[in-house]
């Protein structure tokens, strides 16, 4: 991580020695694990599964509510 020093360079580096700064490595090193298209397809499939579960859960709650509420049978809801 980064840290910050709240003193002058002379106080931090006694004797007035100069410090050489090493250039940073590229922050985004290329990963050769999985091609981007395959990763995107995997994310899309995962998202679709999560959404499918979400819809199933909502539909199950609707069915349970229709059983609890009087005069709300599945036949009535299908006809409008």
N, C-alpha and C. Protein backbone atom coordinates (compact mmCIF):
# COMPACT_ATOMS: atom_id res chain seq x y z
N UNK A 1 0.80 -1.18 0.00
CA UNK A 1 0.00 0.00 0.00
C UNK A 1 0.85 1.25 0.00
N UNK A 2 0.19 2.35 -0.02
CA UNK A 2 0.88 3.63 -0.01
C UNK A 2 0.94 4.16 1.41
N UNK A 3 1.96 4.94 1.69
CA UNK A 3 2.03 5.65 2.95
C UNK A 3 2.56 7.04 2.68
N UNK A 4 2.19 7.96 3.54
CA UNK A 4 2.58 9.34 3.37
C UNK A 4 3.41 9.78 4.58
N UNK A 5 4.46 10.53 4.32
CA UNK A 5 5.33 11.03 5.38
C UNK A 5 5.08 12.51 5.51
N UNK A 6 4.86 12.96 6.74
CA UNK A 6 4.54 14.36 6.99
C UNK A 6 5.77 15.13 7.48
N UNK A 7 6.93 14.87 6.85
CA UNK A 7 8.16 15.56 7.22
C UNK A 7 8.88 15.98 5.94
N UNK A 8 9.90 16.76 6.10
CA UNK A 8 10.69 17.17 4.95
C UNK A 8 11.61 16.04 4.53
N UNK A 9 12.06 16.01 3.26
CA UNK A 9 12.97 14.95 2.82
C UNK A 9 14.27 14.89 3.62
N UNK A 10 14.75 16.04 4.10
CA UNK A 10 15.99 16.06 4.87
C UNK A 10 15.81 15.32 6.20
N UNK A 11 14.62 15.42 6.80
CA UNK A 11 14.37 14.73 8.06
C UNK A 11 14.19 13.22 7.85
N UNK A 12 13.61 12.86 6.73
CA UNK A 12 13.36 11.44 6.45
C UNK A 12 14.64 10.75 6.01
N UNK A 13 15.41 11.38 5.10
CA UNK A 13 16.65 10.80 4.57
C UNK A 13 17.83 11.58 5.13
N UNK A 14 18.38 11.15 6.26
CA UNK A 14 19.49 11.90 6.86
C UNK A 14 20.72 11.88 5.96
N UNK A 15 21.49 12.94 6.00
CA UNK A 15 22.71 13.03 5.21
C UNK A 15 22.45 13.56 3.81
N UNK A 16 21.21 13.91 3.49
CA UNK A 16 20.91 14.49 2.17
C UNK A 16 21.05 13.50 1.03
N UNK A 17 20.98 12.21 1.28
CA UNK A 17 21.10 11.23 0.20
C UNK A 17 19.86 11.28 -0.68
N UNK A 18 20.10 11.16 -1.96
CA UNK A 18 18.99 11.16 -2.91
C UNK A 18 18.46 9.74 -3.08
N UNK A 19 17.20 9.63 -3.19
CA UNK A 19 16.56 8.33 -3.35
C UNK A 19 16.12 8.17 -4.79
N UNK A 20 16.49 7.08 -5.40
CA UNK A 20 16.03 6.84 -6.76
C UNK A 20 14.68 6.14 -6.72
N UNK A 21 13.79 6.58 -7.58
CA UNK A 21 12.43 6.03 -7.61
C UNK A 21 12.36 5.02 -8.75
N UNK A 22 11.93 3.83 -8.40
CA UNK A 22 11.79 2.77 -9.40
C UNK A 22 10.43 2.93 -10.08
N UNK A 23 10.39 2.88 -11.41
CA UNK A 23 9.10 3.00 -12.08
C UNK A 23 8.19 1.84 -11.72
N UNK A 24 6.90 2.14 -11.64
CA UNK A 24 5.92 1.12 -11.30
C UNK A 24 5.76 0.12 -12.43
N UNK A 25 5.49 -1.10 -12.03
CA UNK A 25 5.15 -2.11 -13.04
C UNK A 25 3.76 -1.78 -13.57
N UNK A 26 3.43 -2.28 -14.73
CA UNK A 26 2.11 -2.02 -15.31
C UNK A 26 1.05 -2.57 -14.37
N UNK A 27 0.05 -1.76 -13.95
CA UNK A 27 -0.92 -2.22 -12.96
C UNK A 27 -1.83 -3.34 -13.47
N UNK A 28 -2.03 -3.40 -14.76
CA UNK A 28 -2.91 -4.42 -15.32
C UNK A 28 -2.07 -5.43 -16.09
N UNK A 29 -1.54 -6.40 -15.38
CA UNK A 29 -0.75 -7.40 -16.07
C UNK A 29 -1.68 -8.34 -16.82
N UNK A 30 -1.37 -8.65 -18.07
CA UNK A 30 -2.26 -9.51 -18.85
C UNK A 30 -2.31 -10.91 -18.26
N UNK A 31 -3.51 -11.40 -18.07
CA UNK A 31 -3.70 -12.75 -17.53
C UNK A 31 -4.00 -13.68 -18.69
N UNK A 32 -3.27 -14.75 -18.77
CA UNK A 32 -3.47 -15.69 -19.87
C UNK A 32 -4.32 -16.87 -19.44
N UNK A 33 -5.09 -16.72 -18.36
CA UNK A 33 -5.88 -17.83 -17.84
C UNK A 33 -7.07 -18.14 -18.77
N UNK A 34 -7.99 -17.20 -18.91
CA UNK A 34 -9.22 -17.44 -19.66
C UNK A 34 -9.41 -16.30 -20.65
N UNK A 35 -9.73 -16.61 -21.90
CA UNK A 35 -10.01 -15.53 -22.86
C UNK A 35 -11.22 -14.72 -22.42
N UNK A 36 -11.26 -13.48 -22.84
CA UNK A 36 -12.33 -12.57 -22.42
C UNK A 36 -13.71 -13.07 -22.83
N UNK A 37 -13.85 -13.59 -24.05
CA UNK A 37 -15.16 -14.06 -24.53
C UNK A 37 -15.68 -15.19 -23.64
N UNK A 38 -14.81 -16.11 -23.26
CA UNK A 38 -15.22 -17.22 -22.41
C UNK A 38 -15.64 -16.71 -21.03
N UNK A 39 -14.89 -15.75 -20.51
CA UNK A 39 -15.21 -15.18 -19.20
C UNK A 39 -16.56 -14.46 -19.25
N UNK A 40 -16.80 -13.71 -20.34
CA UNK A 40 -18.07 -13.00 -20.49
C UNK A 40 -19.23 -13.98 -20.59
N UNK A 41 -19.04 -15.07 -21.32
CA UNK A 41 -20.10 -16.07 -21.46
C UNK A 41 -20.41 -16.71 -20.10
N UNK A 42 -19.37 -16.95 -19.33
CA UNK A 42 -19.56 -17.54 -18.00
C UNK A 42 -20.32 -16.58 -17.10
N UNK A 43 -19.95 -15.31 -17.13
CA UNK A 43 -20.65 -14.30 -16.32
C UNK A 43 -22.10 -14.18 -16.74
N UNK A 44 -22.35 -14.20 -18.05
CA UNK A 44 -23.72 -14.10 -18.56
C UNK A 44 -24.55 -15.29 -18.11
N UNK A 45 -23.98 -16.51 -18.21
CA UNK A 45 -24.70 -17.71 -17.79
C UNK A 45 -25.00 -17.66 -16.29
N UNK A 46 -24.03 -17.19 -15.52
CA UNK A 46 -24.22 -17.07 -14.07
C UNK A 46 -25.33 -16.06 -13.77
N UNK A 47 -25.31 -14.94 -14.46
CA UNK A 47 -26.34 -13.91 -14.27
C UNK A 47 -27.71 -14.47 -14.63
N UNK A 48 -27.80 -15.20 -15.74
CA UNK A 48 -29.08 -15.77 -16.16
C UNK A 48 -29.61 -16.74 -15.11
N UNK A 49 -28.74 -17.54 -14.52
CA UNK A 49 -29.16 -18.49 -13.49
C UNK A 49 -29.68 -17.75 -12.26
N UNK A 50 -28.98 -16.70 -11.85
CA UNK A 50 -29.42 -15.91 -10.69
C UNK A 50 -30.78 -15.29 -10.97
N UNK A 51 -30.96 -14.73 -12.14
CA UNK A 51 -32.25 -14.12 -12.50
C UNK A 51 -33.36 -15.16 -12.57
N UNK A 52 -33.05 -16.35 -13.08
CA UNK A 52 -34.04 -17.42 -13.16
C UNK A 52 -34.50 -17.81 -11.76
N UNK A 53 -33.54 -17.94 -10.82
CA UNK A 53 -33.90 -18.26 -9.44
C UNK A 53 -34.76 -17.15 -8.83
N UNK A 54 -34.41 -15.91 -9.13
CA UNK A 54 -35.17 -14.76 -8.62
C UNK A 54 -36.61 -14.80 -9.10
N UNK A 55 -36.79 -15.05 -10.40
CA UNK A 55 -38.15 -15.13 -10.96
C UNK A 55 -38.93 -16.30 -10.36
N UNK A 56 -38.27 -17.44 -10.19
CA UNK A 56 -38.94 -18.60 -9.59
C UNK A 56 -39.40 -18.30 -8.17
N UNK A 57 -38.55 -17.61 -7.43
CA UNK A 57 -38.89 -17.26 -6.05
C UNK A 57 -40.11 -16.32 -6.02
N UNK A 58 -40.10 -15.32 -6.90
CA UNK A 58 -41.23 -14.39 -6.97
C UNK A 58 -42.50 -15.13 -7.35
N UNK A 59 -42.41 -16.02 -8.35
CA UNK A 59 -43.59 -16.77 -8.78
C UNK A 59 -44.12 -17.67 -7.66
N UNK A 60 -43.21 -18.27 -6.89
CA UNK A 60 -43.64 -19.11 -5.77
C UNK A 60 -44.38 -18.29 -4.72
N UNK A 61 -43.90 -17.07 -4.45
CA UNK A 61 -44.59 -16.20 -3.50
C UNK A 61 -45.97 -15.81 -4.03
N UNK A 62 -46.10 -15.58 -5.31
CA UNK A 62 -47.39 -15.23 -5.89
C UNK A 62 -48.37 -16.40 -5.73
N UNK A 63 -47.89 -17.61 -5.98
CA UNK A 63 -48.75 -18.79 -5.83
C UNK A 63 -49.18 -18.94 -4.37
N UNK A 64 -48.23 -18.77 -3.43
CA UNK A 64 -48.58 -18.89 -2.01
C UNK A 64 -49.59 -17.83 -1.60
N UNK A 65 -49.39 -16.60 -2.08
CA UNK A 65 -50.36 -15.54 -1.76
C UNK A 65 -51.73 -15.84 -2.34
N UNK A 66 -51.76 -16.38 -3.56
CA UNK A 66 -53.06 -16.67 -4.18
C UNK A 66 -53.80 -17.76 -3.40
N UNK A 67 -53.07 -18.65 -2.70
CA UNK A 67 -53.72 -19.67 -1.89
C UNK A 67 -54.25 -19.08 -0.59
N UNK A 68 -53.59 -18.04 -0.08
CA UNK A 68 -53.98 -17.43 1.19
C UNK A 68 -55.15 -16.47 1.02
N UNK A 69 -55.15 -15.69 -0.05
CA UNK A 69 -56.17 -14.66 -0.27
C UNK A 69 -57.47 -15.32 -0.73
N UNK A 70 -58.58 -15.00 -0.06
CA UNK A 70 -59.87 -15.59 -0.47
C UNK A 70 -60.26 -15.14 -1.88
N UNK A 71 -60.98 -15.99 -2.59
CA UNK A 71 -61.45 -15.72 -3.96
C UNK A 71 -60.31 -15.42 -4.91
N UNK A 72 -59.15 -15.97 -4.69
CA UNK A 72 -58.02 -15.74 -5.58
C UNK A 72 -57.43 -17.10 -5.95
N UNK A 73 -58.12 -17.80 -6.81
CA UNK A 73 -57.61 -19.10 -7.23
C UNK A 73 -56.81 -18.93 -8.52
N UNK A 74 -56.03 -19.91 -8.88
CA UNK A 74 -55.21 -19.82 -10.06
C UNK A 74 -56.06 -19.72 -11.33
N UNK A 75 -57.26 -20.31 -11.33
CA UNK A 75 -58.14 -20.22 -12.50
C UNK A 75 -58.58 -18.78 -12.76
N UNK A 76 -58.87 -18.05 -11.66
CA UNK A 76 -59.27 -16.64 -11.81
C UNK A 76 -58.13 -15.76 -12.29
N UNK A 77 -56.93 -16.05 -11.87
CA UNK A 77 -55.80 -15.21 -12.25
C UNK A 77 -55.41 -15.44 -13.70
N UNK A 78 -55.63 -16.66 -14.21
CA UNK A 78 -55.28 -16.93 -15.60
C UNK A 78 -56.22 -16.20 -16.56
N UNK A 79 -57.47 -16.04 -16.15
CA UNK A 79 -58.44 -15.40 -17.05
C UNK A 79 -58.38 -13.88 -16.95
N UNK A 80 -57.58 -13.38 -16.05
CA UNK A 80 -57.45 -11.94 -15.96
C UNK A 80 -57.83 -11.45 -14.62
